[in-house]
């Protein structure tokens, strides 16, 4: 099993740098199989969302599609995939960032009743409460 960093996956997804994209695609296609999948951490998923949004201007639907494909392929092993699926569903239907939902879900798993935030985009999600003055 190999681990895949954000920059390798971004090159494979976006295909914006001919040399690096070719290397990334060859690496993934030759080393990631259903029997020996490449591993992707939750941190990498959060970074991918941030890079696609802020760096490449991908919309929420396009980003959700990328995450859905990554979570669905057998060639990748996503860390805590059940939590990632829950975060993806919240992200698709919510306003907050994917990372916010990962944080809220992780806190919930650790026994937190709620996660306090100043981020107004978390309003309306049962995982969060606004931190008020």
C-alpha atoms as a PDB file:
ATOM      1  CA  UNK A   1       0.000   0.000   0.000  1.00  0.00           C
ATOM      2  CA  UNK A   2       1.177   3.509  -0.772  1.00  0.00           C
ATOM      3  CA  UNK A   3       0.007   6.813   0.638  1.00  0.00           C
ATOM      4  CA  UNK A   4      -1.064   9.626  -1.674  1.00  0.00           C
ATOM      5  CA  UNK A   5      -0.461  13.276  -0.836  1.00  0.00           C
ATOM      6  CA  UNK A   6      -2.739  16.114  -1.845  1.00  0.00           C
ATOM      7  CA  UNK A   7      -0.458  17.439  -4.578  1.00  0.00           C
ATOM      8  CA  UNK A   8      -0.253  14.054  -6.341  1.00  0.00           C
ATOM      9  CA  UNK A   9      -4.031  13.620  -6.263  1.00  0.00           C
ATOM     10  CA  UNK A  10      -4.640  17.214  -7.415  1.00  0.00           C
ATOM     11  CA  UNK A  11      -2.338  16.691 -10.413  1.00  0.00           C
ATOM     12  CA  UNK A  12      -4.211  13.496 -11.274  1.00  0.00           C
ATOM     13  CA  UNK A  13      -7.637  15.142 -10.869  1.00  0.00           C
ATOM     14  CA  UNK A  14      -6.970  18.500 -12.535  1.00  0.00           C
ATOM     15  CA  UNK A  15      -4.384  17.471 -15.153  1.00  0.00           C
ATOM     16  CA  UNK A  16      -3.025  21.028 -15.298  1.00  0.00           C
ATOM     17  CA  UNK A  17       0.721  20.331 -15.374  1.00  0.00           C
ATOM     18  CA  UNK A  18       1.652  17.943 -18.173  1.00  0.00           C
ATOM     19  CA  UNK A  19       4.759  16.462 -16.534  1.00  0.00           C
ATOM     20  CA  UNK A  20       3.476  16.152 -12.972  1.00  0.00           C
ATOM     21  CA  UNK A  21       0.028  15.010 -14.117  1.00  0.00           C
ATOM     22  CA  UNK A  22       1.583  12.248 -16.219  1.00  0.00           C
ATOM     23  CA  UNK A  23       3.744  11.098 -13.279  1.00  0.00           C
ATOM     24  CA  UNK A  24       0.798  11.245 -10.837  1.00  0.00           C
ATOM     25  CA  UNK A  25      -1.513   9.327 -13.157  1.00  0.00           C
ATOM     26  CA  UNK A  26       1.130   6.675 -13.904  1.00  0.00           C
ATOM     27  CA  UNK A  27       1.865   6.305 -10.183  1.00  0.00           C
ATOM     28  CA  UNK A  28      -1.811   5.904  -9.257  1.00  0.00           C
ATOM     29  CA  UNK A  29      -2.616   3.583 -12.147  1.00  0.00           C
ATOM     30  CA  UNK A  30       0.403   1.339 -11.521  1.00  0.00           C
ATOM     31  CA  UNK A  31       0.371   1.223  -7.697  1.00  0.00           C
ATOM     32  CA  UNK A  32      -3.283   1.512  -6.681  1.00  0.00           C
ATOM     33  CA  UNK A  33      -5.483  -1.509  -7.229  1.00  0.00           C
ATOM     34  CA  UNK A  34      -8.515  -3.028  -5.553  1.00  0.00           C
ATOM     35  CA  UNK A  35      -6.190  -5.613  -3.964  1.00  0.00           C
ATOM     36  CA  UNK A  36      -3.596  -3.024  -2.926  1.00  0.00           C
ATOM     37  CA  UNK A  37      -5.287   0.391  -2.761  1.00  0.00           C
ATOM     38  CA  UNK A  38      -3.567   3.714  -2.248  1.00  0.00           C
ATOM     39  CA  UNK A  39      -4.393   5.287   1.084  1.00  0.00           C
ATOM     40  CA  UNK A  40      -5.785   8.805   1.452  1.00  0.00           C
ATOM     41  CA  UNK A  41      -6.107  10.515   4.829  1.00  0.00           C
ATOM     42  CA  UNK A  42      -9.000  12.703   5.955  1.00  0.00           C
ATOM     43  CA  UNK A  43      -6.556  15.620   6.062  1.00  0.00           C
ATOM     44  CA  UNK A  44      -5.773  15.060   2.380  1.00  0.00           C
ATOM     45  CA  UNK A  45      -9.505  15.041   1.543  1.00  0.00           C
ATOM     46  CA  UNK A  46      -9.926  18.360   3.358  1.00  0.00           C
ATOM     47  CA  UNK A  47      -6.934  19.826   1.526  1.00  0.00           C
ATOM     48  CA  UNK A  48      -8.263  18.614  -1.831  1.00  0.00           C
ATOM     49  CA  UNK A  49     -11.559  20.415  -1.214  1.00  0.00           C
ATOM     50  CA  UNK A  50      -9.733  23.602  -0.227  1.00  0.00           C
ATOM     51  CA  UNK A  51      -7.393  23.491  -3.253  1.00  0.00           C
ATOM     52  CA  UNK A  52     -10.176  22.740  -5.747  1.00  0.00           C
ATOM     53  CA  UNK A  53     -12.321  25.535  -4.292  1.00  0.00           C
ATOM     54  CA  UNK A  54      -9.775  28.273  -3.650  1.00  0.00           C
ATOM     55  CA  UNK A  55      -7.052  27.361  -6.114  1.00  0.00           C
ATOM     56  CA  UNK A  56      -9.071  26.162  -9.094  1.00  0.00           C
ATOM     57  CA  UNK A  57     -12.488  27.745  -8.581  1.00  0.00           C
ATOM     58  CA  UNK A  58     -14.397  24.455  -8.638  1.00  0.00           C
ATOM     59  CA  UNK A  59     -18.006  24.781  -7.503  1.00  0.00           C
ATOM     60  CA  UNK A  60     -19.530  22.845  -4.638  1.00  0.00           C
ATOM     61  CA  UNK A  61     -21.226  20.309  -6.943  1.00  0.00           C
ATOM     62  CA  UNK A  62     -18.015  19.607  -8.859  1.00  0.00           C
ATOM     63  CA  UNK A  63     -16.056  19.162  -5.628  1.00  0.00           C
ATOM     64  CA  UNK A  64     -18.743  16.856  -4.226  1.00  0.00           C
ATOM     65  CA  UNK A  65     -18.483  14.831  -7.436  1.00  0.00           C
ATOM     66  CA  UNK A  66     -14.712  14.470  -7.044  1.00  0.00           C
ATOM     67  CA  UNK A  67     -15.113  13.327  -3.429  1.00  0.00           C
ATOM     68  CA  UNK A  68     -17.889  10.917  -4.387  1.00  0.00           C
ATOM     69  CA  UNK A  69     -15.686   9.326  -7.054  1.00  0.00           C
ATOM     70  CA  UNK A  70     -12.737   9.072  -4.667  1.00  0.00           C
ATOM     71  CA  UNK A  71     -14.879   7.431  -1.990  1.00  0.00           C
ATOM     72  CA  UNK A  72     -16.425   5.039  -4.521  1.00  0.00           C
ATOM     73  CA  UNK A  73     -13.363   3.595  -6.263  1.00  0.00           C
ATOM     74  CA  UNK A  74     -11.836   0.379  -4.970  1.00  0.00           C
ATOM     75  CA  UNK A  75      -8.330   1.544  -5.877  1.00  0.00           C
ATOM     76  CA  UNK A  76      -8.290   4.026  -2.972  1.00  0.00           C
ATOM     77  CA  UNK A  77      -8.612   3.405   0.749  1.00  0.00           C
ATOM     78  CA  UNK A  78      -9.999   6.554   2.374  1.00  0.00           C
ATOM     79  CA  UNK A  79      -9.240   6.933   6.074  1.00  0.00           C
ATOM     80  CA  UNK A  80     -12.460   6.645   8.073  1.00  0.00           C
ATOM     81  CA  UNK A  81     -14.522   6.393   4.912  1.00  0.00           C
ATOM     82  CA  UNK A  82     -17.838   6.146   6.807  1.00  0.00           C
ATOM     83  CA  UNK A  83     -17.154   9.513   8.420  1.00  0.00           C
ATOM     84  CA  UNK A  84     -16.006  10.936   5.073  1.00  0.00           C
ATOM     85  CA  UNK A  85     -19.296   9.827   3.460  1.00  0.00           C
ATOM     86  CA  UNK A  86     -21.284  11.520   6.250  1.00  0.00           C
ATOM     87  CA  UNK A  87     -19.216  14.696   5.855  1.00  0.00           C
ATOM     88  CA  UNK A  88     -19.730  14.594   2.081  1.00  0.00           C
ATOM     89  CA  UNK A  89     -23.504  14.331   2.468  1.00  0.00           C
ATOM     90  CA  UNK A  90     -23.539  17.264   4.889  1.00  0.00           C
ATOM     91  CA  UNK A  91     -21.279  19.248   2.532  1.00  0.00           C
ATOM     92  CA  UNK A  92     -23.523  18.595  -0.480  1.00  0.00           C
ATOM     93  CA  UNK A  93     -26.584  19.853   1.367  1.00  0.00           C
ATOM     94  CA  UNK A  94     -25.041  22.463   3.656  1.00  0.00           C
ATOM     95  CA  UNK A  95     -23.180  25.741   3.558  1.00  0.00           C
ATOM     96  CA  UNK A  96     -20.062  24.999   5.603  1.00  0.00           C
ATOM     97  CA  UNK A  97     -16.751  23.684   4.340  1.00  0.00           C
ATOM     98  CA  UNK A  98     -16.127  19.952   4.076  1.00  0.00           C
ATOM     99  CA  UNK A  99     -13.438  20.292   6.777  1.00  0.00           C
ATOM    100  CA  UNK A 100     -15.994  21.848   9.151  1.00  0.00           C
ATOM    101  CA  UNK A 101     -18.227  18.811   8.807  1.00  0.00           C
ATOM    102  CA  UNK A 102     -15.270  16.461   9.340  1.00  0.00           C
ATOM    103  CA  UNK A 103     -14.395  18.406  12.505  1.00  0.00           C
ATOM    104  CA  UNK A 104     -17.967  18.355  13.806  1.00  0.00           C
ATOM    105  CA  UNK A 105     -18.355  14.642  13.112  1.00  0.00           C
ATOM    106  CA  UNK A 106     -15.008  13.800  14.739  1.00  0.00           C
ATOM    107  CA  UNK A 107     -15.975  15.790  17.822  1.00  0.00           C
ATOM    108  CA  UNK A 108     -19.363  14.046  17.946  1.00  0.00           C
ATOM    109  CA  UNK A 109     -17.625  10.653  17.790  1.00  0.00           C
ATOM    110  CA  UNK A 110     -15.442  11.706  20.710  1.00  0.00           C
ATOM    111  CA  UNK A 111     -18.526  12.464  22.770  1.00  0.00           C
ATOM    112  CA  UNK A 112     -18.959  16.193  22.192  1.00  0.00           C
ATOM    113  CA  UNK A 113     -22.563  17.305  22.317  1.00  0.00           C
ATOM    114  CA  UNK A 114     -21.839  20.182  19.942  1.00  0.00           C
ATOM    115  CA  UNK A 115     -18.916  22.051  18.375  1.00  0.00           C
ATOM    116  CA  UNK A 116     -18.843  25.799  18.904  1.00  0.00           C
ATOM    117  CA  UNK A 117     -17.752  27.952  15.986  1.00  0.00           C
ATOM    118  CA  UNK A 118     -17.683  31.554  14.827  1.00  0.00           C
ATOM    119  CA  UNK A 119     -18.290  30.377  11.243  1.00  0.00           C
ATOM    120  CA  UNK A 120     -21.811  31.445  10.293  1.00  0.00           C
ATOM    121  CA  UNK A 121     -21.892  28.836   7.522  1.00  0.00           C
ATOM    122  CA  UNK A 122     -22.227  26.152  10.203  1.00  0.00           C
ATOM    123  CA  UNK A 123     -25.547  27.644  11.344  1.00  0.00           C
ATOM    124  CA  UNK A 124     -28.401  25.194  10.913  1.00  0.00           C
ATOM    125  CA  UNK A 125     -26.232  22.096  11.284  1.00  0.00           C
ATOM    126  CA  UNK A 126     -26.968  20.142  14.465  1.00  0.00           C
ATOM    127  CA  UNK A 127     -23.245  19.472  14.919  1.00  0.00           C
ATOM    128  CA  UNK A 128     -22.565  23.164  15.564  1.00  0.00           C
ATOM    129  CA  UNK A 129     -23.573  26.096  17.673  1.00  0.00           C
ATOM    130  CA  UNK A 130     -22.498  29.679  17.203  1.00  0.00           C
ATOM    131  CA  UNK A 131     -20.020  30.959  19.782  1.00  0.00           C
ATOM    132  CA  UNK A 132     -21.601  34.200  20.937  1.00  0.00           C
ATOM    133  CA  UNK A 133     -20.205  37.087  22.942  1.00  0.00           C
END
